Structures are given as C-alpha cells and as structure tokens.
Amino acid sequence: MYLVYGIKNCNTVKKALTFLDNHKVEYRFHDYKKDGITKAKLREWSLQVGWQKLVNKKGTTWRILDDSVKNDITSEAKAITLMVEKTSVIKRPLIEKDNKIIALGFEDDIYGSMEW
C-alpha cells in the first residue's frame, strides 16, 4: 500500500490522485492540513532526498514568506521547523512505500513509467 502525503485541494496532488485512481493503485492519503507532520518524519525524508528538495520554493506559500524568513532557511533544522509550522511549503505530493520515498511531486510521464 502506498502512502500519499499532500493537501487535498492542491492541484498537483489532485492530478496525482487522479492518476493513481485511474491506474487502480491502492493508496492511503495523509492530508498535512488535517493530520499534520512530525519532525521525525521530515528528518527521515530529509535523509532520503535532502531537506532542500522537500521545501517547495516554487509554491505560493514560499513566495509570500518574508525575505528574512526565506533567507534564514539555511539548515535542515530550520527547514523542518518551517515545514512543521507551514505544511503547505512541503513539496507535494510525496509518495512513500515501506517508509521509502518513491515519488516527490507529480509528472505524468514519470508516474506512467513506474511499476505500481
């Protein structure tokens, strides 16, 4: 079973969930807004892909942050604190299987090439 992390009203997450539904992939959805995220889980992911990839610097949440806040995100610890406080700054969707990240973000061709 796959675990999909994201925010239900995010367009990118909607595309990913539609893909998974259309391809009959079984998954459970973890909504950051309702379920939150722990520092421990973010550290685990950071070890896998690096904290820099987890922070979505293209999204609205990042763009509206004060420059002083953005400039202060210079370490894993600071990034994790920000991601716990503002979960919408986490790149999404993030898909896990057996606690291993198998996808970060959504690209139709990449999802299509994966063995689900």
Protein backbone atom coordinates (compact mmCIF):
# COMPACT_ATOMS: atom_id res chain seq x y z
CA MET A 1 0.00 0.00 0.00
CA TYR A 2 1.26 3.44 -0.93
CA LEU A 3 1.02 6.41 1.38
CA VAL A 4 0.40 9.71 -0.38
CA TYR A 5 1.19 12.90 1.54
CA GLY A 6 -0.21 16.22 0.44
CA ILE A 7 -3.01 18.73 0.68
CA LYS A 8 -6.38 17.71 -0.74
CA ASN A 9 -7.09 21.00 -2.55
CA CYS A 10 -3.64 21.23 -4.20
CA ASN A 11 -3.93 20.93 -8.00
CA THR A 12 -0.75 18.88 -8.28
CA VAL A 13 -1.99 16.46 -5.63
CA LYS A 14 -5.35 16.23 -7.43
CA LYS A 15 -3.53 15.26 -10.65
CA ALA A 16 -1.50 12.62 -8.85
CA LEU A 17 -4.54 11.15 -7.09
CA THR A 18 -6.46 11.07 -10.38
CA PHE A 19 -3.55 9.23 -11.99
CA LEU A 20 -3.43 6.71 -9.14
CA ASP A 21 -7.20 6.21 -9.20
CA ASN A 22 -7.24 5.77 -12.99
CA HIS A 23 -4.47 3.17 -12.73
CA LYS A 24 -6.18 1.37 -9.85
CA VAL A 25 -3.28 1.97 -7.47
CA GLU A 26 -4.19 1.39 -3.83
CA TYR A 27 -3.13 4.18 -1.52
CA ARG A 28 -3.94 5.94 1.70
CA PHE A 29 -3.97 9.74 1.76
CA HIS A 30 -2.33 11.78 4.53
CA ASP A 31 -3.52 15.38 4.48
CA TYR A 32 -0.96 17.74 6.02
CA LYS A 33 -3.70 20.24 6.89
CA LYS A 34 -5.75 17.70 8.84
CA ASP A 35 -3.12 15.23 10.01
CA GLY A 36 -0.01 17.42 10.31
CA ILE A 37 3.51 16.06 10.00
CA THR A 38 6.14 15.25 12.58
CA LYS A 39 9.70 16.50 12.76
CA ALA A 40 10.80 12.86 12.91
CA LYS A 41 9.09 12.04 9.59
CA LEU A 42 10.57 15.15 7.95
CA ARG A 43 14.06 14.15 9.19
CA GLU A 44 13.53 10.67 7.77
CA TRP A 45 12.62 12.14 4.40
CA SER A 46 15.48 14.59 4.57
CA LEU A 47 17.91 11.69 4.92
CA GLN A 48 16.45 10.19 1.75
CA VAL A 49 16.25 13.22 -0.56
CA GLY A 50 17.75 16.19 1.30
CA TRP A 51 15.80 18.96 3.00
CA GLN A 52 16.31 21.26 0.03
CA LYS A 53 14.11 19.06 -2.17
CA LEU A 54 11.38 18.93 0.44
CA VAL A 55 10.92 22.71 0.54
CA ASN A 56 8.75 23.85 -2.36
CA LYS A 57 10.29 27.17 -3.35
CA LYS A 58 8.01 27.49 -6.38
CA GLY A 59 4.78 27.50 -4.41
CA THR A 60 2.67 30.37 -3.17
CA THR A 61 3.43 29.71 0.49
CA TRP A 62 7.18 30.13 -0.06
CA ARG A 63 6.75 33.17 -2.30
CA ILE A 64 4.68 35.08 0.25
CA LEU A 65 7.10 34.45 3.10
CA ASP A 66 9.07 37.45 4.24
CA ASP A 67 12.55 37.51 2.66
CA SER A 68 14.14 37.41 6.10
CA VAL A 69 12.36 34.09 6.79
CA LYS A 70 13.39 32.66 3.40
CA ASN A 71 16.99 33.75 3.87
CA ASP A 72 17.06 32.12 7.30
CA ILE A 73 16.27 28.63 5.93
CA THR A 74 19.89 27.53 5.74
CA SER A 75 19.84 24.19 7.54
CA GLU A 76 17.82 21.04 7.88
CA ALA A 77 16.69 22.03 11.39
CA LYS A 78 15.38 25.41 10.24
CA ALA A 79 13.71 23.91 7.18
CA ILE A 80 12.00 21.25 9.28
CA THR A 81 10.72 23.83 11.76
CA LEU A 82 9.27 25.83 8.86
CA MET A 83 7.69 22.73 7.27
CA VAL A 84 6.02 21.73 10.56
CA GLU A 85 4.65 25.27 11.02
CA LYS A 86 3.65 25.80 7.38
CA THR A 87 2.92 22.38 5.92
CA SER A 88 1.91 23.88 2.58
CA VAL A 89 5.58 24.69 1.96
CA ILE A 90 6.35 20.95 1.66
CA LYS A 91 6.72 19.80 -1.94
CA ARG A 92 3.79 17.62 -2.83
CA PRO A 93 2.64 15.06 -3.35
CA LEU A 94 5.16 12.84 -1.65
CA ILE A 95 4.54 9.12 -2.11
CA GLU A 96 6.01 6.51 0.18
CA LYS A 97 6.07 2.76 0.16
CA ASP A 98 7.57 0.90 3.11
CA ASN A 99 8.86 4.24 4.50
CA LYS A 100 10.84 4.93 1.33
CA ILE A 101 10.08 7.92 -0.89
CA ILE A 102 9.24 6.70 -4.37
CA ALA A 103 7.94 9.98 -5.83
CA LEU A 104 8.13 13.66 -4.97
CA GLY A 105 5.91 15.96 -6.99
CA PHE A 106 3.89 14.84 -10.00
CA GLU A 107 4.94 14.26 -13.58
CA ASP A 108 2.62 12.16 -15.70
CA ASP A 109 5.39 10.54 -17.74
CA ILE A 110 7.39 9.58 -14.64
CA TYR A 111 4.33 8.16 -12.90
CA GLY A 112 3.47 6.33 -16.12
CA SER A 113 6.89 4.70 -16.27
CA MET A 114 6.75 3.44 -12.68
CA GLU A 115 5.73 -0.08 -11.72
CA TRP A 116 2.89 0.35 -9.29
